[in-house]
Amino acid sequence: MKNKVDLKPDYLIDGVSCRVLYNYLFKNLARKYYVVYRLLQKSDKKNQLVKRYKYFCDSPGLSKDIFLFLYHEYKNTYSPIVDEMYIDSDIQSESNLDLGKFYERSKVDLYNTKIYIDENSKISARTLTKILSFWLRREIDGSSNAIFETLDYYLESFDNEWLNSKKI
């Protein structure tokens, strides 16, 4: 295992096993990062999303919200099941609104909108877009595979039953 800290579930840190620390501090987050990475990688539209993200980030002088942009790009690219909520309770849909070049006039409430990332799990659109932004930046800088391999390694050690259920 080159260049990785090789923690094992039974190792102790200040008298607490790494498994306990993983379960309480990292399990939910690690699982979300794993699932979002897999969703991104299995799509033939990944490169298109990376290019749009880079274009968005490189576009100067616009009033823009990267998470709102990513939400709409993800929704349009991947067509996930979404429980969409809006900032204004009178809005039922944005289909008739001009959302602007980067969706800057969107009224979607990213904290209360939920997106299904697999058949049993949904997360807030805000959480999904933060994780997606992380992986897209890693795609751009070329480190996504190495980071995912490290994540996969630790999931095999700490969360193998869950991991095996996701690899089917």
C-alpha atoms as a PDB file:
ATOM      1  CA  MET A   1       0.000   0.000   0.000  1.00  0.00           C
ATOM      2  CA  LYS A   2       2.084   2.855  -1.330  1.00  0.00           C
ATOM      3  CA  ASN A   3       1.692   6.349   0.158  1.00  0.00           C
ATOM      4  CA  LYS A   4      -1.291   5.502   2.374  1.00  0.00           C
ATOM      5  CA  VAL A   5      -1.565   5.517   6.135  1.00  0.00           C
ATOM      6  CA  ASP A   6      -2.505   1.916   6.797  1.00  0.00           C
ATOM      7  CA  LEU A   7      -5.087   2.169   9.580  1.00  0.00           C
ATOM      8  CA  LYS A   8      -6.838  -1.008  10.616  1.00  0.00           C
ATOM      9  CA  PRO A   9     -10.242  -1.230  12.330  1.00  0.00           C
ATOM     10  CA  ASP A  10      -8.751  -2.577  15.561  1.00  0.00           C
ATOM     11  CA  TYR A  11      -6.003   0.070  15.900  1.00  0.00           C
ATOM     12  CA  LEU A  12      -6.475   2.431  18.823  1.00  0.00           C
ATOM     13  CA  ILE A  13      -6.245   6.205  18.733  1.00  0.00           C
ATOM     14  CA  ASP A  14      -6.363   7.689  22.226  1.00  0.00           C
ATOM     15  CA  GLY A  15      -7.918   4.452  23.449  1.00  0.00           C
ATOM     16  CA  VAL A  16     -10.690   4.423  20.835  1.00  0.00           C
ATOM     17  CA  SER A  17     -10.699   1.866  18.043  1.00  0.00           C
ATOM     18  CA  CYS A  18     -10.505   3.124  14.480  1.00  0.00           C
ATOM     19  CA  ARG A  19     -13.717   1.183  13.747  1.00  0.00           C
ATOM     20  CA  VAL A  20     -15.627   3.210  16.349  1.00  0.00           C
ATOM     21  CA  LEU A  21     -14.174   6.442  14.980  1.00  0.00           C
ATOM     22  CA  TYR A  22     -15.097   5.402  11.439  1.00  0.00           C
ATOM     23  CA  ASN A  23     -18.651   4.459  12.438  1.00  0.00           C
ATOM     24  CA  TYR A  24     -19.317   7.708  14.285  1.00  0.00           C
ATOM     25  CA  LEU A  25     -17.342  10.215  12.217  1.00  0.00           C
ATOM     26  CA  PHE A  26     -16.768   8.963   8.694  1.00  0.00           C
ATOM     27  CA  LYS A  27     -19.143   6.170   7.680  1.00  0.00           C
ATOM     28  CA  ASN A  28     -21.995   8.242   6.225  1.00  0.00           C
ATOM     29  CA  LEU A  29     -19.671  10.682   4.501  1.00  0.00           C
ATOM     30  CA  ALA A  30     -17.414   7.974   3.043  1.00  0.00           C
ATOM     31  CA  ARG A  31     -20.433   6.121   1.684  1.00  0.00           C
ATOM     32  CA  LYS A  32     -21.813   9.256   0.029  1.00  0.00           C
ATOM     33  CA  TYR A  33     -18.462  10.092  -1.589  1.00  0.00           C
ATOM     34  CA  TYR A  34     -18.189   6.511  -2.838  1.00  0.00           C
ATOM     35  CA  VAL A  35     -21.679   6.420  -4.367  1.00  0.00           C
ATOM     36  CA  VAL A  36     -21.385   9.841  -6.029  1.00  0.00           C
ATOM     37  CA  TYR A  37     -17.996   8.910  -7.511  1.00  0.00           C
ATOM     38  CA  ARG A  38     -19.452   5.699  -8.942  1.00  0.00           C
ATOM     39  CA  LEU A  39     -22.430   7.585 -10.393  1.00  0.00           C
ATOM     40  CA  LEU A  40     -20.076  10.064 -12.022  1.00  0.00           C
ATOM     41  CA  GLN A  41     -17.757   7.389 -13.427  1.00  0.00           C
ATOM     42  CA  LYS A  42     -20.403   5.114 -14.869  1.00  0.00           C
ATOM     43  CA  SER A  43     -21.921   7.828 -17.039  1.00  0.00           C
ATOM     44  CA  ASP A  44     -20.804   8.493 -20.582  1.00  0.00           C
ATOM     45  CA  LYS A  45     -21.657  12.151 -19.872  1.00  0.00           C
ATOM     46  CA  LYS A  46     -18.930  12.614 -17.240  1.00  0.00           C
ATOM     47  CA  ASN A  47     -16.572  14.466 -19.597  1.00  0.00           C
ATOM     48  CA  GLN A  48     -19.371  16.814 -20.617  1.00  0.00           C
ATOM     49  CA  LEU A  49     -20.081  17.592 -16.956  1.00  0.00           C
ATOM     50  CA  VAL A  50     -16.359  18.168 -16.246  1.00  0.00           C
ATOM     51  CA  LYS A  51     -16.133  20.600 -19.194  1.00  0.00           C
ATOM     52  CA  ARG A  52     -19.267  22.498 -18.116  1.00  0.00           C
ATOM     53  CA  TYR A  53     -17.972  22.718 -14.541  1.00  0.00           C
ATOM     54  CA  LYS A  54     -14.586  24.046 -15.716  1.00  0.00           C
ATOM     55  CA  TYR A  55     -16.299  26.545 -18.037  1.00  0.00           C
ATOM     56  CA  PHE A  56     -18.479  27.724 -15.160  1.00  0.00           C
ATOM     57  CA  CYS A  57     -15.486  28.144 -12.835  1.00  0.00           C
ATOM     58  CA  ASP A  58     -13.472  29.981 -15.496  1.00  0.00           C
ATOM     59  CA  SER A  59     -16.293  32.424 -16.377  1.00  0.00           C
ATOM     60  CA  PRO A  60     -15.486  35.761 -14.698  1.00  0.00           C
ATOM     61  CA  GLY A  61     -17.768  38.486 -13.467  1.00  0.00           C
ATOM     62  CA  LEU A  62     -21.009  36.591 -13.125  1.00  0.00           C
ATOM     63  CA  SER A  63     -23.215  36.450 -10.083  1.00  0.00           C
ATOM     64  CA  LYS A  64     -23.239  32.707  -9.730  1.00  0.00           C
ATOM     65  CA  ASP A  65     -23.764  29.917  -7.264  1.00  0.00           C
ATOM     66  CA  ILE A  66     -21.663  26.866  -8.058  1.00  0.00           C
ATOM     67  CA  PHE A  67     -23.925  24.548  -6.103  1.00  0.00           C
ATOM     68  CA  LEU A  68     -27.064  25.750  -7.878  1.00  0.00           C
ATOM     69  CA  PHE A  69     -25.241  25.348 -11.189  1.00  0.00           C
ATOM     70  CA  LEU A  70     -24.115  21.812 -10.318  1.00  0.00           C
ATOM     71  CA  TYR A  71     -27.575  20.832  -9.132  1.00  0.00           C
ATOM     72  CA  HIS A  72     -29.154  21.752 -12.464  1.00  0.00           C
ATOM     73  CA  GLU A  73     -26.301  20.272 -14.502  1.00  0.00           C
ATOM     74  CA  TYR A  74     -26.472  17.020 -12.536  1.00  0.00           C
ATOM     75  CA  LYS A  75     -30.256  16.884 -12.825  1.00  0.00           C
ATOM     76  CA  ASN A  76     -30.157  17.560 -16.579  1.00  0.00           C
ATOM     77  CA  THR A  77     -27.267  15.143 -17.212  1.00  0.00           C
ATOM     78  CA  TYR A  78     -28.220  12.197 -15.004  1.00  0.00           C
ATOM     79  CA  SER A  79     -32.024  12.535 -14.685  1.00  0.00           C
ATOM     80  CA  PRO A  80     -32.129  11.330 -11.064  1.00  0.00           C
ATOM     81  CA  ILE A  81     -35.273  10.936  -9.000  1.00  0.00           C
ATOM     82  CA  VAL A  82     -35.668  14.238  -7.155  1.00  0.00           C
ATOM     83  CA  ASP A  83     -37.983  15.544  -4.432  1.00  0.00           C
ATOM     84  CA  GLU A  84     -37.643  19.196  -5.427  1.00  0.00           C
ATOM     85  CA  MET A  85     -38.442  22.026  -3.015  1.00  0.00           C
ATOM     86  CA  TYR A  86     -38.427  25.761  -3.722  1.00  0.00           C
ATOM     87  CA  ILE A  87     -37.524  28.847  -1.722  1.00  0.00           C
ATOM     88  CA  ASP A  88     -40.910  30.361  -2.585  1.00  0.00           C
ATOM     89  CA  SER A  89     -43.759  28.044  -1.594  1.00  0.00           C
ATOM     90  CA  ASP A  90     -45.912  29.359  -4.479  1.00  0.00           C
ATOM     91  CA  ILE A  91     -43.548  27.832  -7.053  1.00  0.00           C
ATOM     92  CA  GLN A  92     -44.484  24.313  -8.138  1.00  0.00           C
ATOM     93  CA  SER A  93     -41.996  24.000 -11.015  1.00  0.00           C
ATOM     94  CA  GLU A  94     -39.286  26.029 -12.702  1.00  0.00           C
ATOM     95  CA  SER A  95     -40.110  24.748 -16.179  1.00  0.00           C
ATOM     96  CA  ASN A  96     -41.603  28.093 -17.234  1.00  0.00           C
ATOM     97  CA  LEU A  97     -38.904  30.315 -15.664  1.00  0.00           C
ATOM     98  CA  ASP A  98     -35.871  31.812 -17.397  1.00  0.00           C
ATOM     99  CA  LEU A  99     -33.179  30.446 -15.097  1.00  0.00           C
ATOM    100  CA  GLY A 100     -30.302  32.366 -16.689  1.00  0.00           C
ATOM    101  CA  LYS A 101     -27.041  31.215 -18.237  1.00  0.00           C
ATOM    102  CA  PHE A 102     -25.871  29.425 -15.105  1.00  0.00           C
ATOM    103  CA  TYR A 103     -29.287  28.899 -13.472  1.00  0.00           C
ATOM    104  CA  GLU A 104     -28.628  31.930 -11.285  1.00  0.00           C
ATOM    105  CA  ARG A 105     -32.336  32.809 -11.111  1.00  0.00           C
ATOM    106  CA  SER A 106     -33.362  29.360  -9.952  1.00  0.00           C
ATOM    107  CA  LYS A 107     -35.513  29.197  -6.838  1.00  0.00           C
ATOM    108  CA  VAL A 108     -34.621  25.624  -5.868  1.00  0.00           C
ATOM    109  CA  ASP A 109     -33.963  25.174  -2.165  1.00  0.00           C
ATOM    110  CA  LEU A 110     -30.837  23.008  -2.208  1.00  0.00           C
ATOM    111  CA  TYR A 111     -31.017  22.221   1.505  1.00  0.00           C
ATOM    112  CA  ASN A 112     -34.544  20.787   1.368  1.00  0.00           C
ATOM    113  CA  THR A 113     -34.452  19.250  -2.113  1.00  0.00           C
ATOM    114  CA  LYS A 114     -33.589  15.550  -1.885  1.00  0.00           C
ATOM    115  CA  ILE A 115     -31.925  13.490  -4.607  1.00  0.00           C
ATOM    116  CA  TYR A 116     -31.915   9.708  -4.694  1.00  0.00           C
ATOM    117  CA  ILE A 117     -28.327   8.504  -5.163  1.00  0.00           C
ATOM    118  CA  ASP A 118     -29.398   4.886  -5.170  1.00  0.00           C
ATOM    119  CA  GLU A 119     -32.598   2.938  -4.658  1.00  0.00           C
ATOM    120  CA  ASN A 120     -32.524   3.309  -0.863  1.00  0.00           C
ATOM    121  CA  SER A 121     -30.602   6.509  -0.217  1.00  0.00           C
ATOM    122  CA  LYS A 122     -31.343  10.139  -0.756  1.00  0.00           C
ATOM    123  CA  ILE A 123     -29.308  13.173   0.232  1.00  0.00           C
ATOM    124  CA  SER A 124     -29.846  16.905   0.114  1.00  0.00           C
ATOM    125  CA  ALA A 125     -29.053  18.578  -3.178  1.00  0.00           C
ATOM    126  CA  ARG A 126     -26.602  20.804  -1.302  1.00  0.00           C
ATOM    127  CA  THR A 127     -24.654  17.787   0.000  1.00  0.00           C
ATOM    128  CA  LEU A 128     -24.680  16.114  -3.403  1.00  0.00           C
ATOM    129  CA  THR A 129     -23.380  19.229  -5.154  1.00  0.00           C
ATOM    130  CA  LYS A 130     -20.578  19.695  -2.614  1.00  0.00           C
ATOM    131  CA  ILE A 131     -19.461  16.093  -3.137  1.00  0.00           C
ATOM    132  CA  LEU A 132     -19.869  16.386  -6.893  1.00  0.00           C
ATOM    133  CA  SER A 133     -17.793  19.574  -6.898  1.00  0.00           C
ATOM    134  CA  PHE A 134     -15.041  17.731  -5.008  1.00  0.00           C
ATOM    135  CA  TRP A 135     -14.956  14.869  -7.541  1.00  0.00           C
ATOM    136  CA  LEU A 136     -15.109  17.188 -10.562  1.00  0.00           C
ATOM    137  CA  ARG A 137     -12.130  19.164  -9.239  1.00  0.00           C
ATOM    138  CA  ARG A 138     -10.286  15.871  -8.739  1.00  0.00           C
ATOM    139  CA  GLU A 139     -11.124  14.896 -12.336  1.00  0.00           C
ATOM    140  CA  ILE A 140      -9.650  18.194 -13.525  1.00  0.00           C
ATOM    141  CA  ASP A 141      -6.437  17.867 -11.488  1.00  0.00           C
ATOM    142  CA  GLY A 142      -6.086  14.148 -12.254  1.00  0.00           C
ATOM    143  CA  SER A 143      -6.216  12.840  -8.688  1.00  0.00           C
ATOM    144  CA  SER A 144      -9.708  11.286  -8.661  1.00  0.00           C
ATOM    145  CA  ASN A 145      -8.610   7.699  -9.299  1.00  0.00           C
ATOM    146  CA  ALA A 146      -5.942   7.733  -6.574  1.00  0.00           C
ATOM    147  CA  ILE A 147      -8.328   9.246  -4.030  1.00  0.00           C
ATOM    148  CA  PHE A 148     -11.079   6.796  -4.943  1.00  0.00           C
ATOM    149  CA  GLU A 149      -8.681   3.840  -4.662  1.00  0.00           C
ATOM    150  CA  THR A 150      -7.758   5.013  -1.157  1.00  0.00           C
ATOM    151  CA  LEU A 151     -11.424   5.415  -0.239  1.00  0.00           C
ATOM    152  CA  ASP A 152     -12.175   1.964  -1.652  1.00  0.00           C
ATOM    153  CA  TYR A 153      -9.267   0.466   0.329  1.00  0.00           C
ATOM    154  CA  TYR A 154     -10.569   1.836   3.624  1.00  0.00           C
ATOM    155  CA  LEU A 155     -14.158   0.890   2.854  1.00  0.00           C
ATOM    156  CA  GLU A 156     -12.959  -2.683   2.284  1.00  0.00           C
ATOM    157  CA  SER A 157     -11.418  -2.634   5.765  1.00  0.00           C
ATOM    158  CA  PHE A 158     -14.078  -0.728   7.682  1.00  0.00           C
ATOM    159  CA  ASP A 159     -17.334  -1.192   5.786  1.00  0.00           C
ATOM    160  CA  ASN A 160     -16.889  -4.308   3.662  1.00  0.00           C
ATOM    161  CA  GLU A 161     -20.456  -5.608   3.929  1.00  0.00           C
ATOM    162  CA  TRP A 162     -21.884  -2.288   2.702  1.00  0.00           C
ATOM    163  CA  LEU A 163     -19.214  -2.022   0.001  1.00  0.00           C
ATOM    164  CA  ASN A 164     -19.969  -5.496  -1.331  1.00  0.00           C
ATOM    165  CA  SER A 165     -23.653  -4.595  -1.562  1.00  0.00           C
ATOM    166  CA  LYS A 166     -22.736  -1.596  -3.756  1.00  0.00           C
ATOM    167  CA  LYS A 167     -20.418  -3.479  -6.107  1.00  0.00           C
ATOM    168  CA  ILE A 168     -23.137  -5.834  -7.351  1.00  0.00           C
END
